[in-house]
Amino acid sequence: MEFSQYVKWLKPLAWLSCLSPLATLIWKALNNGLGANPDEYIRNSTGYWTLAFLCMTLGITPARRLLRQNCLIRFRRMLGLFAFFYGCLHFVTYFLFDTGFDFRQVAEDVSKRPFITVGFTSFVLMVPLAITSSAAMVRRLGGRRWQALHRLIYPGAIAGVIHYYWLVKSDVTVPQRFALVIAVLLSYRLIHSIVPFAPVPRAVR
């Protein structure tokens, strides 16, 4: 059964759901619910959702193939852009609260603090993905070059998990879970490249 007929109804709901972490942060900020260290709470929350949306973006292709629902591909760009959106918020909170908009401090942190180095690397790798996410850029680059460029999401996600793991230091349960999800998704990609699968039927438009 193809669910493409429901996409036009589901996409607005999905878009609103993607904004719910930000809405929750705003609500907590207005109601003194960010704890004793609001800066850290915002930074950690936006970092968590950046990784969560990266994992959801990576999961679209396996879900599309396994469920044989090609229409799911229509959600991938949106999820990827929300990953970049929360990544930008995460970087801005660090840039504002930790460095006070000091570019030299950022450069020093990136060069001397490994967890910031890999985190900044993850963010930088997401920038070209966001810039080239439109259909016009796909046509301009060509399908093969666009796909090759967007494989940067894999090292970007891995760097993000390492950043999270090195940041928390003590309780690494959550970054380990992210690492497991990404490992499964990467394994699926590897297996799919080796073992032939039946093609997914095209979505009815």
N, C-alpha and C. Protein backbone atom coordinates (compact mmCIF):
# COMPACT_ATOMS: atom_id res chain seq x y z
N MET A 1 0.84 -1.20 0.00
CA MET A 1 0.00 0.00 0.00
C MET A 1 0.88 1.25 0.00
N GLU A 2 0.61 2.15 -0.93
CA GLU A 2 1.39 3.37 -1.06
C GLU A 2 0.71 4.52 -0.32
N PHE A 3 1.48 5.21 0.51
CA PHE A 3 0.92 6.27 1.34
C PHE A 3 1.13 7.66 0.76
N SER A 4 1.51 7.74 -0.51
CA SER A 4 1.82 9.04 -1.10
C SER A 4 0.63 9.98 -1.08
N GLN A 5 -0.59 9.43 -1.12
CA GLN A 5 -1.78 10.28 -1.13
C GLN A 5 -1.95 11.05 0.18
N TYR A 6 -1.28 10.58 1.23
CA TYR A 6 -1.40 11.24 2.53
C TYR A 6 -0.26 12.22 2.82
N VAL A 7 0.72 12.29 1.92
CA VAL A 7 1.90 13.10 2.20
C VAL A 7 1.54 14.57 2.37
N LYS A 8 0.64 15.09 1.53
CA LYS A 8 0.30 16.51 1.61
C LYS A 8 -0.32 16.88 2.95
N TRP A 9 -0.90 15.88 3.64
CA TRP A 9 -1.46 16.13 4.96
C TRP A 9 -0.42 15.90 6.06
N LEU A 10 0.45 14.94 5.82
CA LEU A 10 1.43 14.59 6.85
C LEU A 10 2.59 15.57 6.93
N LYS A 11 2.98 16.18 5.80
CA LYS A 11 4.15 17.07 5.82
C LYS A 11 3.95 18.29 6.72
N PRO A 12 2.79 18.96 6.68
CA PRO A 12 2.62 20.08 7.63
C PRO A 12 2.67 19.64 9.09
N LEU A 13 2.11 18.46 9.38
CA LEU A 13 2.16 17.93 10.75
C LEU A 13 3.60 17.61 11.14
N ALA A 14 4.34 17.02 10.20
CA ALA A 14 5.74 16.69 10.47
C ALA A 14 6.55 17.97 10.69
N TRP A 15 6.27 19.00 9.90
CA TRP A 15 6.98 20.28 10.03
C TRP A 15 6.74 20.88 11.41
N LEU A 16 5.50 20.85 11.85
CA LEU A 16 5.18 21.38 13.18
C LEU A 16 5.84 20.54 14.27
N SER A 17 5.87 19.23 14.08
CA SER A 17 6.52 18.35 15.06
C SER A 17 8.02 18.64 15.15
N CYS A 18 8.62 18.96 14.01
CA CYS A 18 10.05 19.28 14.01
C CYS A 18 10.34 20.57 14.77
N LEU A 19 9.36 21.45 14.85
CA LEU A 19 9.54 22.70 15.60
C LEU A 19 9.25 22.54 17.09
N SER A 20 8.69 21.40 17.48
CA SER A 20 8.29 21.22 18.88
C SER A 20 9.46 21.31 19.86
N PRO A 21 10.68 20.81 19.54
CA PRO A 21 11.79 21.00 20.49
C PRO A 21 12.10 22.47 20.75
N LEU A 22 12.04 23.29 19.69
CA LEU A 22 12.28 24.72 19.87
C LEU A 22 11.15 25.35 20.69
N ALA A 23 9.92 24.95 20.39
CA ALA A 23 8.79 25.49 21.15
C ALA A 23 8.90 25.12 22.63
N THR A 24 9.35 23.90 22.90
CA THR A 24 9.53 23.47 24.29
C THR A 24 10.59 24.30 24.99
N LEU A 25 11.70 24.57 24.29
CA LEU A 25 12.75 25.40 24.87
C LEU A 25 12.24 26.81 25.19
N ILE A 26 11.48 27.38 24.26
CA ILE A 26 10.94 28.73 24.48
C ILE A 26 9.99 28.74 25.66
N TRP A 27 9.13 27.72 25.72
CA TRP A 27 8.15 27.64 26.82
C TRP A 27 8.88 27.52 28.16
N LYS A 28 9.91 26.67 28.21
CA LYS A 28 10.65 26.51 29.46
C LYS A 28 11.40 27.78 29.82
N ALA A 29 11.93 28.47 28.82
CA ALA A 29 12.64 29.73 29.11
C ALA A 29 11.70 30.77 29.69
N LEU A 30 10.47 30.81 29.19
CA LEU A 30 9.50 31.78 29.68
C LEU A 30 8.93 31.41 31.05
N ASN A 31 9.11 30.15 31.44
CA ASN A 31 8.55 29.68 32.70
C ASN A 31 9.63 29.20 33.67
N ASN A 32 10.85 29.71 33.49
CA ASN A 32 11.96 29.38 34.38
C ASN A 32 12.18 27.87 34.53
N GLY A 33 12.08 27.18 33.40
CA GLY A 33 12.21 25.73 33.44
C GLY A 33 13.50 25.19 32.85
N LEU A 34 14.51 26.06 32.71
CA LEU A 34 15.76 25.63 32.10
C LEU A 34 16.81 25.19 33.11
N GLY A 35 16.42 25.14 34.39
CA GLY A 35 17.34 24.65 35.41
C GLY A 35 18.31 25.71 35.90
N ALA A 36 19.29 25.25 36.67
CA ALA A 36 20.25 26.17 37.29
C ALA A 36 21.23 26.75 36.29
N ASN A 37 21.44 26.05 35.17
CA ASN A 37 22.37 26.53 34.15
C ASN A 37 21.65 26.58 32.80
N PRO A 38 20.88 27.65 32.53
CA PRO A 38 20.11 27.73 31.29
C PRO A 38 20.96 27.63 30.03
N ASP A 39 22.14 28.25 30.06
CA ASP A 39 23.01 28.21 28.88
C ASP A 39 23.35 26.77 28.50
N GLU A 40 23.74 26.00 29.50
CA GLU A 40 24.10 24.59 29.25
C GLU A 40 22.89 23.79 28.79
N TYR A 41 21.74 24.06 29.39
CA TYR A 41 20.53 23.32 29.02
C TYR A 41 20.19 23.56 27.55
N ILE A 42 20.23 24.82 27.11
CA ILE A 42 19.92 25.15 25.72
C ILE A 42 20.94 24.52 24.78
N ARG A 43 22.21 24.63 25.14
CA ARG A 43 23.28 24.08 24.30
C ARG A 43 23.14 22.56 24.16
N ASN A 44 22.91 21.88 25.28
CA ASN A 44 22.78 20.43 25.23
C ASN A 44 21.53 19.99 24.49
N SER A 45 20.44 20.72 24.68
CA SER A 45 19.19 20.35 24.03
C SER A 45 19.28 20.51 22.51
N THR A 46 19.83 21.64 22.06
CA THR A 46 19.95 21.85 20.61
C THR A 46 20.94 20.86 20.00
N GLY A 47 21.99 20.50 20.73
CA GLY A 47 22.92 19.50 20.23
C GLY A 47 22.26 18.13 20.10
N TYR A 48 21.46 17.78 21.11
CA TYR A 48 20.74 16.50 21.07
C TYR A 48 19.83 16.42 19.86
N TRP A 49 19.08 17.48 19.61
CA TRP A 49 18.12 17.45 18.50
C TRP A 49 18.82 17.52 17.15
N THR A 50 19.99 18.12 17.11
CA THR A 50 20.76 18.08 15.86
C THR A 50 21.08 16.64 15.50
N LEU A 51 21.57 15.88 16.46
CA LEU A 51 21.88 14.47 16.20
C LEU A 51 20.63 13.66 15.91
N ALA A 52 19.56 13.95 16.64
CA ALA A 52 18.32 13.21 16.43
C ALA A 52 17.81 13.40 15.00
N PHE A 53 17.84 14.63 14.52
CA PHE A 53 17.36 14.87 13.16
C PHE A 53 18.32 14.33 12.11
N LEU A 54 19.62 14.31 12.42
CA LEU A 54 20.56 13.66 11.51
C LEU A 54 20.24 12.17 11.38
N CYS A 55 19.94 11.53 12.50
CA CYS A 55 19.60 10.11 12.48
C CYS A 55 18.30 9.87 11.71
N MET A 56 17.32 10.74 11.92
CA MET A 56 16.05 10.60 11.20
C MET A 56 16.26 10.78 9.70
N THR A 57 17.12 11.73 9.33
CA THR A 57 17.41 11.95 7.92
C THR A 57 18.07 10.72 7.31
N LEU A 58 19.05 10.17 8.02
CA LEU A 58 19.72 8.95 7.55
C LEU A 58 18.78 7.77 7.48
N GLY A 59 17.77 7.77 8.32
CA GLY A 59 16.85 6.64 8.37
C GLY A 59 15.81 6.62 7.28
N ILE A 60 15.65 7.74 6.56
CA ILE A 60 14.60 7.81 5.54
C ILE A 60 14.82 6.78 4.43
N THR A 61 16.04 6.71 3.90
CA THR A 61 16.29 5.79 2.79
C THR A 61 16.08 4.33 3.18
N PRO A 62 16.64 3.84 4.31
CA PRO A 62 16.32 2.46 4.71
C PRO A 62 14.84 2.23 4.93
N ALA A 63 14.15 3.18 5.55
CA ALA A 63 12.71 3.03 5.78
C ALA A 63 11.96 2.98 4.46
N ARG A 64 12.36 3.83 3.53
CA ARG A 64 11.71 3.85 2.21
C ARG A 64 11.86 2.50 1.51
N ARG A 65 13.06 1.92 1.61
CA ARG A 65 13.31 0.65 0.91
C ARG A 65 12.65 -0.53 1.62
N LEU A 66 12.78 -0.56 2.94
CA LEU A 66 12.24 -1.70 3.69
C LEU A 66 10.71 -1.71 3.70
N LEU A 67 10.11 -0.53 3.80
CA LEU A 67 8.65 -0.43 3.82
C LEU A 67 8.06 -0.31 2.41
N ARG A 68 8.96 -0.15 1.43
CA ARG A 68 8.55 0.00 0.04
C ARG A 68 7.58 1.18 -0.11
N GLN A 69 7.96 2.27 0.52
CA GLN A 69 7.18 3.52 0.46
C GLN A 69 8.09 4.63 -0.06
N ASN A 70 8.12 4.76 -1.37
CA ASN A 70 9.02 5.75 -1.97
C ASN A 70 8.65 7.17 -1.59
N CYS A 71 7.40 7.38 -1.19
CA CYS A 71 6.95 8.73 -0.84
C CYS A 71 7.67 9.27 0.40
N LEU A 72 8.28 8.40 1.20
CA LEU A 72 8.99 8.87 2.39
C LEU A 72 10.16 9.77 2.03
N ILE A 73 10.66 9.67 0.80
CA ILE A 73 11.80 10.48 0.39
C ILE A 73 11.45 11.96 0.45
N ARG A 74 10.16 12.28 0.39
CA ARG A 74 9.74 13.68 0.41
C ARG A 74 9.94 14.34 1.77
N PHE A 75 10.23 13.52 2.78
CA PHE A 75 10.47 14.07 4.12
C PHE A 75 11.96 14.27 4.40
N ARG A 76 12.83 13.71 3.55
CA ARG A 76 14.26 13.71 3.86
C ARG A 76 14.84 15.12 3.87
N ARG A 77 14.51 15.91 2.86
CA ARG A 77 15.06 17.27 2.80
C ARG A 77 14.63 18.08 4.02
N MET A 78 13.37 17.96 4.39
CA MET A 78 12.87 18.71 5.55
C MET A 78 13.61 18.31 6.82
N LEU A 79 13.78 17.02 7.03
CA LEU A 79 14.48 16.56 8.23
C LEU A 79 15.94 17.00 8.23
N GLY A 80 16.57 16.94 7.06
CA GLY A 80 17.95 17.37 6.97
C GLY A 80 18.12 18.86 7.26
N LEU A 81 17.19 19.66 6.76
CA LEU A 81 17.27 21.10 7.03
C LEU A 81 16.99 21.41 8.50
N PHE A 82 16.13 20.64 9.13
CA PHE A 82 15.92 20.85 10.56
C PHE A 82 17.15 20.42 11.36
N ALA A 83 17.86 19.39 10.91
CA ALA A 83 19.12 19.02 11.56
C ALA A 83 20.09 20.20 11.49
N PHE A 84 20.17 20.84 10.32
CA PHE A 84 21.06 21.99 10.17
C PHE A 84 20.56 23.17 11.01
N PHE A 85 19.25 23.35 11.07
CA PHE A 85 18.67 24.44 11.86
C PHE A 85 19.05 24.31 13.33
N TYR A 86 18.87 23.11 13.89
CA TYR A 86 19.22 22.91 15.30
C TYR A 86 20.74 22.93 15.50
N GLY A 87 21.48 22.51 14.48
CA GLY A 87 22.93 22.62 14.54
C GLY A 87 23.37 24.08 14.60
N CYS A 88 22.68 24.93 13.83
CA CYS A 88 22.99 26.37 13.89
C CYS A 88 22.67 26.94 15.26
N LEU A 89 21.53 26.55 15.83
CA LEU A 89 21.18 27.02 17.17
C LEU A 89 22.22 26.56 18.19
N HIS A 90 22.67 25.32 18.04
CA HIS A 90 23.68 24.77 18.94
C HIS A 90 24.97 25.58 18.86
N PHE A 91 25.41 25.88 17.64
CA PHE A 91 26.63 26.66 17.46
C PHE A 91 26.45 28.08 17.99
N VAL A 92 25.29 28.67 17.73
CA VAL A 92 25.05 30.05 18.18
C VAL A 92 25.07 30.14 19.70
N THR A 93 24.49 29.14 20.38
CA THR A 93 24.51 29.18 21.85
C THR A 93 25.94 29.08 22.38
N TYR A 94 26.76 28.24 21.74
CA TYR A 94 28.17 28.17 22.13
C TYR A 94 28.86 29.49 21.82
N PHE A 95 28.63 30.03 20.62
CA PHE A 95 29.28 31.26 20.20
C PHE A 95 28.90 32.44 21.10
N LEU A 96 27.64 32.44 21.55
CA LEU A 96 27.16 33.54 22.39
C LEU A 96 27.57 33.37 23.84
N PHE A 97 27.21 32.22 24.42
CA PHE A 97 27.38 32.05 25.86
C PHE A 97 28.81 31.67 26.27
N ASP A 98 29.50 30.90 25.43
CA ASP A 98 30.84 30.41 25.80
C ASP A 98 31.96 31.34 25.37
N THR A 99 31.78 32.04 24.27
CA THR A 99 32.87 32.88 23.76
C THR A 99 32.51 34.36 23.73
N GLY A 100 31.23 34.70 23.89
CA GLY A 100 30.84 36.11 23.82
C GLY A 100 31.09 36.72 22.46
N PHE A 101 30.81 35.93 21.39
CA PHE A 101 31.02 36.38 20.01
C PHE A 101 32.48 36.73 19.73
N ASP A 102 33.37 35.97 20.33
CA ASP A 102 34.81 36.19 20.13
C ASP A 102 35.32 35.17 19.11
N PHE A 103 35.58 35.61 17.88
CA PHE A 103 36.02 34.71 16.83
C PHE A 103 37.38 34.09 17.15
N ARG A 104 38.24 34.86 17.79
CA ARG A 104 39.56 34.31 18.14
C ARG A 104 39.44 33.20 19.18
N GLN A 105 38.48 33.35 20.10
CA GLN A 105 38.26 32.29 21.08
C GLN A 105 37.74 31.03 20.42
N VAL A 106 36.86 31.22 19.43
CA VAL A 106 36.35 30.06 18.68
C VAL A 106 37.50 29.35 17.98
N ALA A 107 38.35 30.11 17.31
CA ALA A 107 39.49 29.51 16.60
C ALA A 107 40.42 28.78 17.56
N GLU A 108 40.62 29.35 18.74
CA GLU A 108 41.49 28.71 19.74
C GLU A 108 40.85 27.42 20.26
N ASP A 109 39.53 27.47 20.51
CA ASP A 109 38.84 26.27 20.98
C ASP A 109 38.89 25.16 19.94
N VAL A 110 38.66 25.52 18.69
CA VAL A 110 38.66 24.52 17.61
C VAL A 110 40.02 23.88 17.47
N SER A 111 41.08 24.65 17.68
CA SER A 111 42.44 24.13 17.49
C SER A 111 42.97 23.37 18.70
N LYS A 112 42.42 23.66 19.89
CA LYS A 112 43.02 23.10 21.10
C LYS A 112 42.10 22.16 21.89
N ARG A 113 40.80 22.21 21.66
CA ARG A 113 39.86 21.38 22.43
C ARG A 113 39.23 20.34 21.49
N PRO A 114 39.65 19.08 21.59
CA PRO A 114 39.23 18.07 20.61
C PRO A 114 37.73 17.92 20.46
N PHE A 115 36.97 17.99 21.55
CA PHE A 115 35.53 17.78 21.41
C PHE A 115 34.89 18.92 20.64
N ILE A 116 35.45 20.13 20.73
CA ILE A 116 34.96 21.24 19.93
C ILE A 116 35.44 21.10 18.48
N THR A 117 36.63 20.57 18.30
CA THR A 117 37.15 20.35 16.95
C THR A 117 36.22 19.45 16.14
N VAL A 118 35.84 18.31 16.73
CA VAL A 118 34.98 17.38 15.98
C VAL A 118 33.56 17.93 15.88
N GLY A 119 33.10 18.66 16.89
CA GLY A 119 31.77 19.25 16.81
C GLY A 119 31.70 20.31 15.71
N PHE A 120 32.72 21.14 15.63
CA PHE A 120 32.77 22.17 14.60
C PHE A 120 32.89 21.52 13.22
N THR A 121 33.65 20.43 13.14
CA THR A 121 33.77 19.70 11.88
C THR A 121 32.41 19.18 11.43
N SER A 122 31.64 18.62 12.36
CA SER A 122 30.31 18.14 12.05
C SER A 122 29.43 19.27 11.51
N PHE A 123 29.49 20.41 12.15
CA PHE A 123 28.68 21.56 11.71
C PHE A 123 29.10 22.03 10.33
N VAL A 124 30.40 22.14 10.09
CA VAL A 124 30.90 22.59 8.79
C VAL A 124 30.47 21.63 7.68
N LEU A 125 30.48 20.33 7.97
CA LEU A 125 30.08 19.35 6.95
C LEU A 125 28.60 19.46 6.60
N MET A 126 27.80 19.98 7.52
CA MET A 126 26.37 20.14 7.24
C MET A 126 26.08 21.35 6.37
N VAL A 127 26.99 22.32 6.34
CA VAL A 127 26.74 23.57 5.61
C VAL A 127 26.51 23.32 4.11
N PRO A 128 27.43 22.61 3.41
CA PRO A 128 27.18 22.38 1.97
C PRO A 128 25.94 21.53 1.71
N LEU A 129 25.58 20.68 2.65
CA LEU A 129 24.37 19.87 2.48
C LEU A 129 23.13 20.75 2.50
N ALA A 130 23.11 21.70 3.41
CA ALA A 130 21.97 22.62 3.49
C ALA A 130 21.91 23.52 2.26
N ILE A 131 23.07 24.02 1.83
CA ILE A 131 23.11 24.93 0.69
C ILE A 131 22.63 24.25 -0.58
N THR A 132 22.94 22.97 -0.73
CA THR A 132 22.61 22.25 -1.97
C THR A 132 21.38 21.36 -1.82
N SER A 133 20.52 21.66 -0.87
CA SER A 133 19.39 20.78 -0.62
C SER A 133 18.22 20.97 -1.59
N SER A 134 18.20 22.08 -2.30
CA SER A 134 17.06 22.38 -3.17
C SER A 134 17.09 21.55 -4.45
N ALA A 135 15.93 21.42 -5.07
CA ALA A 135 15.83 20.70 -6.34
C ALA A 135 16.66 21.38 -7.43
N ALA A 136 16.74 22.72 -7.37
CA ALA A 136 17.52 23.45 -8.35
C ALA A 136 19.00 23.09 -8.26
N MET A 137 19.51 22.91 -7.04
CA MET A 137 20.90 22.53 -6.86
C MET A 137 21.15 21.11 -7.32
N VAL A 138 20.16 20.24 -7.16
CA VAL A 138 20.30 18.86 -7.66
C VAL A 138 20.48 18.89 -9.17
N ARG A 139 19.67 19.70 -9.84
CA ARG A 139 19.77 19.81 -11.30
C ARG A 139 21.10 20.44 -11.71
N ARG A 140 21.54 21.45 -10.96
CA ARG A 140 22.78 22.14 -11.32
C ARG A 140 24.00 21.24 -11.15
N LEU A 141 24.02 20.48 -10.06
CA LEU A 141 25.18 19.62 -9.78
C LEU A 141 25.13 18.32 -10.57
N GLY A 142 23.91 17.88 -10.89
CA GLY A 142 23.75 16.55 -11.49
C GLY A 142 23.57 15.52 -10.40
N GLY A 143 22.78 14.51 -10.69
CA GLY A 143 22.42 13.53 -9.67
C GLY A 143 23.60 12.86 -8.99
N ARG A 144 24.59 12.43 -9.78
CA ARG A 144 25.72 11.70 -9.20
C ARG A 144 26.58 12.57 -8.31
N ARG A 145 26.89 13.78 -8.77
CA ARG A 145 27.71 14.68 -7.95
C ARG A 145 26.95 15.12 -6.69
N TRP A 146 25.66 15.31 -6.84
CA TRP A 146 24.85 15.71 -5.68
C TRP A 146 24.85 14.58 -4.64
N GLN A 147 24.65 13.35 -5.10
CA GLN A 147 24.65 12.22 -4.17
C GLN A 147 26.01 12.05 -3.51
N ALA A 148 27.08 12.22 -4.28
CA ALA A 148 28.43 12.10 -3.71
C ALA A 148 28.65 13.16 -2.64
N LEU A 149 28.22 14.39 -2.92
CA LEU A 149 28.37 15.47 -1.94
C LEU A 149 27.58 15.18 -0.67
N HIS A 150 26.37 14.67 -0.83
CA HIS A 150 25.51 14.47 0.32
C HIS A 150 25.87 13.24 1.15
N ARG A 151 26.87 12.50 0.70
CA ARG A 151 27.41 11.45 1.57
C ARG A 151 28.21 12.04 2.72
N LEU A 152 28.44 13.35 2.68
CA LEU A 152 29.09 14.02 3.82
C LEU A 152 28.26 13.90 5.09
N ILE A 153 26.98 13.57 4.96
CA ILE A 153 26.15 13.42 6.14
C ILE A 153 26.67 12.31 7.04
N TYR A 154 27.32 11.29 6.46
CA TYR A 154 27.83 10.18 7.27
C TYR A 154 28.99 10.61 8.16
N PRO A 155 30.08 11.17 7.61
CA PRO A 155 31.13 11.65 8.53
C PRO A 155 30.64 12.77 9.43
N GLY A 156 29.68 13.56 8.96
CA GLY A 156 29.12 14.61 9.81
C GLY A 156 28.42 14.04 11.02
N ALA A 157 27.62 13.00 10.81
CA ALA A 157 26.90 12.37 11.92
C ALA A 157 27.87 11.68 12.87
N ILE A 158 28.88 11.00 12.33
CA ILE A 158 29.88 10.33 13.17
C ILE A 158 30.63 11.35 14.02
N ALA A 159 31.03 12.47 13.40
CA ALA A 159 31.73 13.51 14.16
C ALA A 159 30.84 14.09 15.24
N GLY A 160 29.54 14.22 14.95
CA GLY A 160 28.60 14.73 15.94
C GLY A 160 28.49 13.81 17.15
N VAL A 161 28.47 12.51 16.92
CA VAL A 161 28.40 11.55 18.02
C VAL A 161 29.68 11.60 18.86
N ILE A 162 30.82 11.67 18.20
CA ILE A 162 32.09 11.75 18.93
C ILE A 162 32.13 13.03 19.78
N HIS A 163 31.67 14.11 19.20
CA HIS A 163 31.59 15.38 19.94
C HIS A 163 30.74 15.21 21.19
N TYR A 164 29.59 14.59 21.06
CA TYR A 164 28.69 14.38 22.19
C TYR A 164 29.33 13.47 23.23
N TYR A 165 29.97 12.40 22.77
CA TYR A 165 30.60 11.43 23.67
C TYR A 165 31.71 12.09 24.49
N TRP A 166 32.56 12.86 23.83
CA TRP A 166 33.67 13.53 24.53
C TRP A 166 33.17 14.65 25.43
N LEU A 167 32.00 15.21 25.11
CA LEU A 167 31.46 16.30 25.91
C LEU A 167 30.93 15.82 27.25
N VAL A 168 30.15 14.72 27.24
CA VAL A 168 29.48 14.28 28.48
C VAL A 168 30.44 13.61 29.45
N LYS A 169 31.45 12.90 28.95
CA LYS A 169 32.54 12.31 29.74
C LYS A 169 32.07 11.20 30.69
N SER A 170 31.08 11.45 31.54
CA SER A 170 30.72 10.45 32.55
C SER A 170 29.61 9.53 32.06
N ASP A 171 28.37 10.00 32.00
CA ASP A 171 27.24 9.18 31.56
C ASP A 171 27.16 9.24 30.04
N VAL A 172 27.67 8.21 29.38
CA VAL A 172 27.74 8.21 27.91
C VAL A 172 26.61 7.38 27.30
N THR A 173 25.56 7.11 28.05
CA THR A 173 24.48 6.26 27.56
C THR A 173 23.83 6.82 26.31
N VAL A 174 23.48 8.10 26.32
CA VAL A 174 22.79 8.70 25.18
C VAL A 174 23.68 8.76 23.94
N PRO A 175 24.92 9.24 24.02
CA PRO A 175 25.75 9.20 22.81
C PRO A 175 26.01 7.79 22.31
N GLN A 176 26.07 6.82 23.21
CA GLN A 176 26.23 5.43 22.77
C GLN A 176 25.01 4.96 21.98
N ARG A 177 23.83 5.41 22.39
CA ARG A 177 22.61 5.05 21.65
C ARG A 177 22.62 5.67 20.27
N PHE A 178 23.05 6.94 20.19
CA PHE A 178 23.17 7.57 18.89
C PHE A 178 24.19 6.83 18.03
N ALA A 179 25.30 6.43 18.64
CA ALA A 179 26.33 5.70 17.91
C ALA A 179 25.79 4.38 17.37
N LEU A 180 24.97 3.70 18.16
CA LEU A 180 24.38 2.43 17.72
C LEU A 180 23.45 2.65 16.54
N VAL A 181 22.62 3.67 16.62
CA VAL A 181 21.68 3.95 15.52
C VAL A 181 22.45 4.25 14.23
N ILE A 182 23.46 5.09 14.33
CA ILE A 182 24.23 5.44 13.13
C ILE A 182 24.99 4.23 12.60
N ALA A 183 25.51 3.39 13.49
CA ALA A 183 26.20 2.17 13.06
C ALA A 183 25.27 1.25 12.30
N VAL A 184 24.04 1.11 12.79
CA VAL A 184 23.04 0.27 12.10
C VAL A 184 22.73 0.84 10.72
N LEU A 185 22.53 2.15 10.65
CA LEU A 185 22.20 2.79 9.37
C LEU A 185 23.35 2.69 8.38
N LEU A 186 24.58 2.86 8.86
CA LEU A 186 25.74 2.72 7.99
C LEU A 186 25.91 1.27 7.53
N SER A 187 25.64 0.33 8.43
CA SER A 187 25.72 -1.09 8.06
C SER A 187 24.70 -1.44 7.00
N TYR A 188 23.50 -0.88 7.14
CA TYR A 188 22.47 -1.12 6.13
C TYR A 188 22.94 -0.59 4.78
N ARG A 189 23.50 0.61 4.78
CA ARG A 189 23.98 1.20 3.54
C ARG A 189 25.05 0.32 2.90
N LEU A 190 25.97 -0.21 3.73
CA LEU A 190 27.03 -1.07 3.21
C LEU A 190 26.45 -2.36 2.64
N ILE A 191 25.54 -2.97 3.39
CA ILE A 191 24.93 -4.23 2.92
C ILE A 191 24.16 -3.99 1.64
N HIS A 192 23.44 -2.88 1.58
CA HIS A 192 22.64 -2.59 0.39
C HIS A 192 23.51 -2.37 -0.84
N SER A 193 24.72 -1.85 -0.62
CA SER A 193 25.62 -1.62 -1.76
C SER A 193 26.23 -2.92 -2.27
N ILE A 194 26.20 -3.97 -1.43
CA ILE A 194 26.80 -5.26 -1.82
C ILE A 194 25.74 -6.25 -2.31
N VAL A 195 24.63 -6.32 -1.56
CA VAL A 195 23.58 -7.29 -1.88
C VAL A 195 22.49 -6.61 -2.68
N PRO A 196 22.12 -7.14 -3.84
CA PRO A 196 21.06 -6.51 -4.64
C PRO A 196 19.69 -6.68 -3.98
N PHE A 197 18.91 -5.62 -3.99
CA PHE A 197 17.55 -5.64 -3.47
C PHE A 197 16.58 -5.30 -4.60
N ALA A 198 15.36 -5.73 -4.42
CA ALA A 198 14.33 -5.38 -5.40
C ALA A 198 14.11 -3.87 -5.38
N PRO A 199 13.95 -3.24 -6.55
CA PRO A 199 13.76 -1.79 -6.56
C PRO A 199 12.45 -1.39 -5.90
N VAL A 200 12.48 -0.20 -5.29
CA VAL A 200 11.27 0.32 -4.66
C VAL A 200 10.39 0.93 -5.72
N PRO A 201 9.09 0.59 -5.75
CA PRO A 201 8.21 1.19 -6.77
C PRO A 201 8.14 2.68 -6.61
N ARG A 202 8.02 3.38 -7.73
CA ARG A 202 7.97 4.83 -7.69
C ARG A 202 6.69 5.30 -7.05
N ALA A 203 6.81 6.40 -6.32
CA ALA A 203 5.64 6.95 -5.66
C ALA A 203 4.67 7.50 -6.67
N VAL A 204 3.40 7.30 -6.41
CA VAL A 204 2.35 7.86 -7.25
C VAL A 204 2.20 9.33 -6.90
N ARG A 205 2.28 10.18 -7.91
CA ARG A 205 2.21 11.63 -7.67
C ARG A 205 0.85 12.16 -8.09
